[in-house]
Structure formats: C-alpha cells, structure tokens
Amino acid sequence: MAKEKKIKITQIKSPIGYKQKAKATLKALGLRKINQTVEHVDSPVLRGMINRVDYLVQVKEN
C-alpha cells in the first residue's frame, strides 16, 4: 500500500478585509487563527482551495 502524501497548511494572514469566498475557503480548510497549522492528504481539490487563498496561507510538503 502506497503512503499518502500529506501537506501542512499554515494561516499566515488574517482574512479581515478580504472577500467572503476567501474566508469560507479558510474555514473549509480548518483554519481559524493566524499561525494555526492543519495537515491534510494532498489532492487536486485541496490544491485548488490553496490556490484560491495562496496570499493567506503557507504550504509545506512532507
């Protein structure tokens, strides 16, 4: 069985002042606070969400 590739996503900026879609995307990623980090299994859907809010998050691949 192949090991699933995981990525760590860290919120680096506040969503205040940005569009509602950006705020909703952060919430869907599981991010609520600045410097909070979540770990997800890498997928094309997740990459699309990250591209939508790339100015608010930082991504590290494991």
PDB file of N, CA and C in Angstrom:
ATOM      1  N   MET A   1       0.839  -1.172   0.000  1.00  0.00           N
ATOM      2  CA  MET A   1       0.000   0.000   0.000  1.00  0.00           C
ATOM      3  C   MET A   1       0.889   1.243   0.000  1.00  0.00           C
ATOM      4  N   ALA A   2       0.608   2.177  -0.898  1.00  0.00           N
ATOM      5  CA  ALA A   2       1.402   3.400  -1.008  1.00  0.00           C
ATOM      6  C   ALA A   2       1.054   4.368   0.118  1.00  0.00           C
ATOM      7  N   LYS A   3       2.062   5.053   0.606  1.00  0.00           N
ATOM      8  CA  LYS A   3       1.855   6.036   1.659  1.00  0.00           C
ATOM      9  C   LYS A   3       1.274   7.308   1.043  1.00  0.00           C
ATOM     10  N   GLU A   4       0.224   7.825   1.656  1.00  0.00           N
ATOM     11  CA  GLU A   4      -0.421   9.025   1.136  1.00  0.00           C
ATOM     12  C   GLU A   4       0.435  10.250   1.437  1.00  0.00           C
ATOM     13  N   LYS A   5       0.568  11.107   0.458  1.00  0.00           N
ATOM     14  CA  LYS A   5       1.352  12.325   0.620  1.00  0.00           C
ATOM     15  C   LYS A   5       0.525  13.350   1.401  1.00  0.00           C
ATOM     16  N   LYS A   6       1.140  13.936   2.436  1.00  0.00           N
ATOM     17  CA  LYS A   6       0.433  14.914   3.254  1.00  0.00           C
ATOM     18  C   LYS A   6       1.093  16.275   3.121  1.00  0.00           C
ATOM     19  N   ILE A   7       0.294  17.305   3.322  1.00  0.00           N
ATOM     20  CA  ILE A   7       0.820  18.660   3.312  1.00  0.00           C
ATOM     21  C   ILE A   7       0.342  19.396   4.559  1.00  0.00           C
ATOM     22  N   LYS A   8       1.178  20.321   5.027  1.00  0.00           N
ATOM     23  CA  LYS A   8       0.830  21.154   6.177  1.00  0.00           C
ATOM     24  C   LYS A   8       0.505  22.545   5.662  1.00  0.00           C
ATOM     25  N   ILE A   9      -0.640  23.066   6.103  1.00  0.00           N
ATOM     26  CA  ILE A   9      -1.094  24.385   5.684  1.00  0.00           C
ATOM     27  C   ILE A   9      -1.148  25.272   6.919  1.00  0.00           C
ATOM     28  N   THR A  10      -0.493  26.424   6.858  1.00  0.00           N
ATOM     29  CA  THR A  10      -0.455  27.367   7.967  1.00  0.00           C
ATOM     30  C   THR A  10      -1.050  28.694   7.518  1.00  0.00           C
ATOM     31  N   GLN A  11      -1.962  29.220   8.311  1.00  0.00           N
ATOM     32  CA  GLN A  11      -2.536  30.535   8.017  1.00  0.00           C
ATOM     33  C   GLN A  11      -1.543  31.597   8.468  1.00  0.00           C
ATOM     34  N   ILE A  12      -1.152  32.493   7.557  1.00  0.00           N
ATOM     35  CA  ILE A  12      -0.151  33.498   7.885  1.00  0.00           C
ATOM     36  C   ILE A  12      -0.710  34.918   7.919  1.00  0.00           C
ATOM     37  N   LYS A  13      -1.938  35.116   7.413  1.00  0.00           N
ATOM     38  CA  LYS A  13      -2.551  36.442   7.422  1.00  0.00           C
ATOM     39  C   LYS A  13      -4.006  36.320   7.848  1.00  0.00           C
ATOM     40  N   SER A  14      -4.538  37.423   8.334  1.00  0.00           N
ATOM     41  CA  SER A  14      -5.941  37.478   8.724  1.00  0.00           C
ATOM     42  C   SER A  14      -6.825  37.654   7.488  1.00  0.00           C
ATOM     43  N   PRO A  15      -7.998  37.014   7.472  1.00  0.00           N
ATOM     44  CA  PRO A  15      -8.898  37.182   6.332  1.00  0.00           C
ATOM     45  C   PRO A  15      -9.736  38.467   6.400  1.00  0.00           C
ATOM     46  N   ILE A  16      -9.551  39.259   7.441  1.00  0.00           N
ATOM     47  CA  ILE A  16     -10.317  40.511   7.570  1.00  0.00           C
ATOM     48  C   ILE A  16      -9.969  41.419   6.401  1.00  0.00           C
ATOM     49  N   GLY A  17     -10.981  41.918   5.740  1.00  0.00           N
ATOM     50  CA  GLY A  17     -10.779  42.809   4.605  1.00  0.00           C
ATOM     51  C   GLY A  17     -10.740  42.094   3.270  1.00  0.00           C
ATOM     52  N   TYR A  18     -10.802  40.773   3.279  1.00  0.00           N
ATOM     53  CA  TYR A  18     -10.805  40.009   2.034  1.00  0.00           C
ATOM     54  C   TYR A  18     -12.219  39.511   1.744  1.00  0.00           C
ATOM     55  N   LYS A  19     -12.412  38.978   0.551  1.00  0.00           N
ATOM     56  CA  LYS A  19     -13.735  38.541   0.123  1.00  0.00           C
ATOM     57  C   LYS A  19     -14.270  37.401   0.975  1.00  0.00           C
ATOM     58  N   GLN A  20     -15.582  37.275   0.982  1.00  0.00           N
ATOM     59  CA  GLN A  20     -16.255  36.239   1.764  1.00  0.00           C
ATOM     60  C   GLN A  20     -15.847  34.842   1.306  1.00  0.00           C
ATOM     61  N   LYS A  21     -15.586  34.667   0.006  1.00  0.00           N
ATOM     62  CA  LYS A  21     -15.161  33.360  -0.509  1.00  0.00           C
ATOM     63  C   LYS A  21     -13.835  32.930   0.099  1.00  0.00           C
ATOM     64  N   ALA A  22     -12.926  33.894   0.300  1.00  0.00           N
ATOM     65  CA  ALA A  22     -11.636  33.578   0.907  1.00  0.00           C
ATOM     66  C   ALA A  22     -11.832  33.128   2.348  1.00  0.00           C
ATOM     67  N   LYS A  23     -12.703  33.798   3.069  1.00  0.00           N
ATOM     68  CA  LYS A  23     -12.986  33.426   4.464  1.00  0.00           C
ATOM     69  C   LYS A  23     -13.610  32.039   4.536  1.00  0.00           C
ATOM     70  N   ALA A  24     -14.519  31.754   3.618  1.00  0.00           N
ATOM     71  CA  ALA A  24     -15.171  30.446   3.595  1.00  0.00           C
ATOM     72  C   ALA A  24     -14.178  29.332   3.245  1.00  0.00           C
ATOM     73  N   THR A  25     -13.246  29.629   2.358  1.00  0.00           N
ATOM     74  CA  THR A  25     -12.236  28.635   1.981  1.00  0.00           C
ATOM     75  C   THR A  25     -11.328  28.317   3.154  1.00  0.00           C
ATOM     76  N   LEU A  26     -10.911  29.343   3.915  1.00  0.00           N
ATOM     77  CA  LEU A  26     -10.093  29.093   5.104  1.00  0.00           C
ATOM     78  C   LEU A  26     -10.845  28.226   6.107  1.00  0.00           C
ATOM     79  N   LYS A  27     -12.116  28.511   6.284  1.00  0.00           N
ATOM     80  CA  LYS A  27     -12.935  27.727   7.213  1.00  0.00           C
ATOM     81  C   LYS A  27     -13.038  26.270   6.744  1.00  0.00           C
ATOM     82  N   ALA A  28     -13.199  26.071   5.440  1.00  0.00           N
ATOM     83  CA  ALA A  28     -13.283  24.716   4.885  1.00  0.00           C
ATOM     84  C   ALA A  28     -11.962  23.957   5.041  1.00  0.00           C
ATOM     85  N   LEU A  29     -10.853  24.684   5.026  1.00  0.00           N
ATOM     86  CA  LEU A  29      -9.546  24.058   5.237  1.00  0.00           C
ATOM     87  C   LEU A  29      -9.316  23.723   6.708  1.00  0.00           C
ATOM     88  N   GLY A  30     -10.132  24.287   7.593  1.00  0.00           N
ATOM     89  CA  GLY A  30      -9.994  24.025   9.022  1.00  0.00           C
ATOM     90  C   GLY A  30      -9.146  25.058   9.736  1.00  0.00           C
ATOM     91  N   LEU A  31      -8.935  26.202   9.108  1.00  0.00           N
ATOM     92  CA  LEU A  31      -8.114  27.257   9.696  1.00  0.00           C
ATOM     93  C   LEU A  31      -8.997  28.341  10.315  1.00  0.00           C
ATOM     94  N   ARG A  32      -8.662  28.724  11.554  1.00  0.00           N
ATOM     95  CA  ARG A  32      -9.445  29.741  12.247  1.00  0.00           C
ATOM     96  C   ARG A  32      -8.598  30.893  12.751  1.00  0.00           C
ATOM     97  N   LYS A  33      -7.328  30.633  13.071  1.00  0.00           N
ATOM     98  CA  LYS A  33      -6.476  31.644  13.686  1.00  0.00           C
ATOM     99  C   LYS A  33      -5.163  31.776  12.920  1.00  0.00           C
ATOM    100  N   ILE A  34      -4.536  32.939  13.050  1.00  0.00           N
ATOM    101  CA  ILE A  34      -3.225  33.148  12.445  1.00  0.00           C
ATOM    102  C   ILE A  34      -2.226  32.214  13.127  1.00  0.00           C
ATOM    103  N   ASN A  35      -1.321  31.653  12.351  1.00  0.00           N
ATOM    104  CA  ASN A  35      -0.289  30.698  12.770  1.00  0.00           C
ATOM    105  C   ASN A  35      -0.847  29.327  13.134  1.00  0.00           C
ATOM    106  N   GLN A  36      -2.113  29.079  12.879  1.00  0.00           N
ATOM    107  CA  GLN A  36      -2.664  27.741  13.089  1.00  0.00           C
ATOM    108  C   GLN A  36      -2.256  26.865  11.906  1.00  0.00           C
ATOM    109  N   THR A  37      -1.885  25.626  12.191  1.00  0.00           N
ATOM    110  CA  THR A  37      -1.454  24.697  11.156  1.00  0.00           C
ATOM    111  C   THR A  37      -2.358  23.471  11.155  1.00  0.00           C
ATOM    112  N   VAL A  38      -2.740  23.049   9.952  1.00  0.00           N
ATOM    113  CA  VAL A  38      -3.517  21.825   9.789  1.00  0.00           C
ATOM    114  C   VAL A  38      -2.792  20.934   8.793  1.00  0.00           C
ATOM    115  N   GLU A  39      -3.038  19.642   8.888  1.00  0.00           N
ATOM    116  CA  GLU A  39      -2.404  18.677   7.996  1.00  0.00           C
ATOM    117  C   GLU A  39      -3.501  17.940   7.233  1.00  0.00           C
ATOM    118  N   HIS A  40      -3.355  17.894   5.906  1.00  0.00           N
ATOM    119  CA  HIS A  40      -4.333  17.235   5.054  1.00  0.00           C
ATOM    120  C   HIS A  40      -3.615  16.322   4.068  1.00  0.00           C
ATOM    121  N   VAL A  41      -4.348  15.345   3.550  1.00  0.00           N
ATOM    122  CA  VAL A  41      -3.838  14.491   2.482  1.00  0.00           C
ATOM    123  C   VAL A  41      -3.897  15.296   1.185  1.00  0.00           C
ATOM    124  N   ASP A  42      -2.816  15.295   0.431  1.00  0.00           N
ATOM    125  CA  ASP A  42      -2.726  16.073  -0.794  1.00  0.00           C
ATOM    126  C   ASP A  42      -3.693  15.531  -1.841  1.00  0.00           C
ATOM    127  N   SER A  43      -4.441  16.443  -2.478  1.00  0.00           N
ATOM    128  CA  SER A  43      -5.358  16.068  -3.548  1.00  0.00           C
ATOM    129  C   SER A  43      -5.552  17.278  -4.458  1.00  0.00           C
ATOM    130  N   PRO A  44      -6.034  17.059  -5.672  1.00  0.00           N
ATOM    131  CA  PRO A  44      -6.272  18.187  -6.576  1.00  0.00           C
ATOM    132  C   PRO A  44      -7.306  19.181  -6.031  1.00  0.00           C
ATOM    133  N   VAL A  45      -8.308  18.682  -5.339  1.00  0.00           N
ATOM    134  CA  VAL A  45      -9.329  19.558  -4.754  1.00  0.00           C
ATOM    135  C   VAL A  45      -8.700  20.462  -3.708  1.00  0.00           C
ATOM    136  N   LEU A  46      -7.876  19.892  -2.860  1.00  0.00           N
ATOM    137  CA  LEU A  46      -7.202  20.667  -1.817  1.00  0.00           C
ATOM    138  C   LEU A  46      -6.256  21.693  -2.431  1.00  0.00           C
ATOM    139  N   ARG A  47      -5.543  21.315  -3.476  1.00  0.00           N
ATOM    140  CA  ARG A  47      -4.628  22.250  -4.151  1.00  0.00           C
ATOM    141  C   ARG A  47      -5.398  23.433  -4.739  1.00  0.00           C
ATOM    142  N   GLY A  48      -6.593  23.179  -5.256  1.00  0.00           N
ATOM    143  CA  GLY A  48      -7.421  24.266  -5.781  1.00  0.00           C
ATOM    144  C   GLY A  48      -7.840  25.231  -4.688  1.00  0.00           C
ATOM    145  N   MET A  49      -8.171  24.695  -3.522  1.00  0.00           N
ATOM    146  CA  MET A  49      -8.550  25.545  -2.393  1.00  0.00           C
ATOM    147  C   MET A  49      -7.357  26.391  -1.943  1.00  0.00           C
ATOM    148  N   ILE A  50      -6.178  25.788  -1.925  1.00  0.00           N
ATOM    149  CA  ILE A  50      -4.978  26.514  -1.523  1.00  0.00           C
ATOM    150  C   ILE A  50      -4.657  27.620  -2.530  1.00  0.00           C
ATOM    151  N   ASN A  51      -4.822  27.330  -3.819  1.00  0.00           N
ATOM    152  CA  ASN A  51      -4.568  28.351  -4.837  1.00  0.00           C
ATOM    153  C   ASN A  51      -5.525  29.527  -4.703  1.00  0.00           C
ATOM    154  N   ARG A  52      -6.726  29.274  -4.215  1.00  0.00           N
ATOM    155  CA  ARG A  52      -7.724  30.333  -4.044  1.00  0.00           C
ATOM    156  C   ARG A  52      -7.314  31.322  -2.951  1.00  0.00           C
ATOM    157  N   VAL A  53      -6.607  30.831  -1.930  1.00  0.00           N
ATOM    158  CA  VAL A  53      -6.216  31.689  -0.799  1.00  0.00           C
ATOM    159  C   VAL A  53      -4.706  31.671  -0.579  1.00  0.00           C
ATOM    160  N   ASP A  54      -3.933  31.571  -1.658  1.00  0.00           N
ATOM    161  CA  ASP A  54      -2.484  31.463  -1.527  1.00  0.00           C
ATOM    162  C   ASP A  54      -1.835  32.670  -0.855  1.00  0.00           C
ATOM    163  N   TYR A  55      -2.501  33.813  -0.850  1.00  0.00           N
ATOM    164  CA  TYR A  55      -1.978  35.021  -0.219  1.00  0.00           C
ATOM    165  C   TYR A  55      -2.230  35.039   1.289  1.00  0.00           C
ATOM    166  N   LEU A  56      -2.976  34.061   1.800  1.00  0.00           N
ATOM    167  CA  LEU A  56      -3.286  33.984   3.234  1.00  0.00           C
ATOM    168  C   LEU A  56      -2.632  32.790   3.920  1.00  0.00           C
ATOM    169  N   VAL A  57      -2.109  31.852   3.149  1.00  0.00           N
ATOM    170  CA  VAL A  57      -1.583  30.614   3.738  1.00  0.00           C
ATOM    171  C   VAL A  57      -0.176  30.314   3.238  1.00  0.00           C
ATOM    172  N   GLN A  58       0.491  29.433   3.983  1.00  0.00           N
ATOM    173  CA  GLN A  58       1.816  28.929   3.618  1.00  0.00           C
ATOM    174  C   GLN A  58       1.713  27.402   3.609  1.00  0.00           C
ATOM    175  N   VAL A  59       2.318  26.759   2.613  1.00  0.00           N
ATOM    176  CA  VAL A  59       2.198  25.315   2.446  1.00  0.00           C
ATOM    177  C   VAL A  59       3.579  24.660   2.549  1.00  0.00           C
ATOM    178  N   LYS A  60       3.625  23.570   3.325  1.00  0.00           N
ATOM    179  CA  LYS A  60       4.841  22.764   3.421  1.00  0.00           C
ATOM    180  C   LYS A  60       4.473  21.321   3.094  1.00  0.00           C
ATOM    181  N   GLU A  61       5.269  20.714   2.208  1.00  0.00           N
ATOM    182  CA  GLU A  61       5.013  19.323   1.832  1.00  0.00           C
ATOM    183  C   GLU A  61       5.867  18.406   2.682  1.00  0.00           C
ATOM    184  N   ASN A  62       5.276  17.295   3.093  1.00  0.00           N
ATOM    185  CA  ASN A  62       6.014  16.308   3.900  1.00  0.00           C
ATOM    186  C   ASN A  62       6.594  15.239   3.025  1.00  0.00           C
TER     187      ASN A  62
END
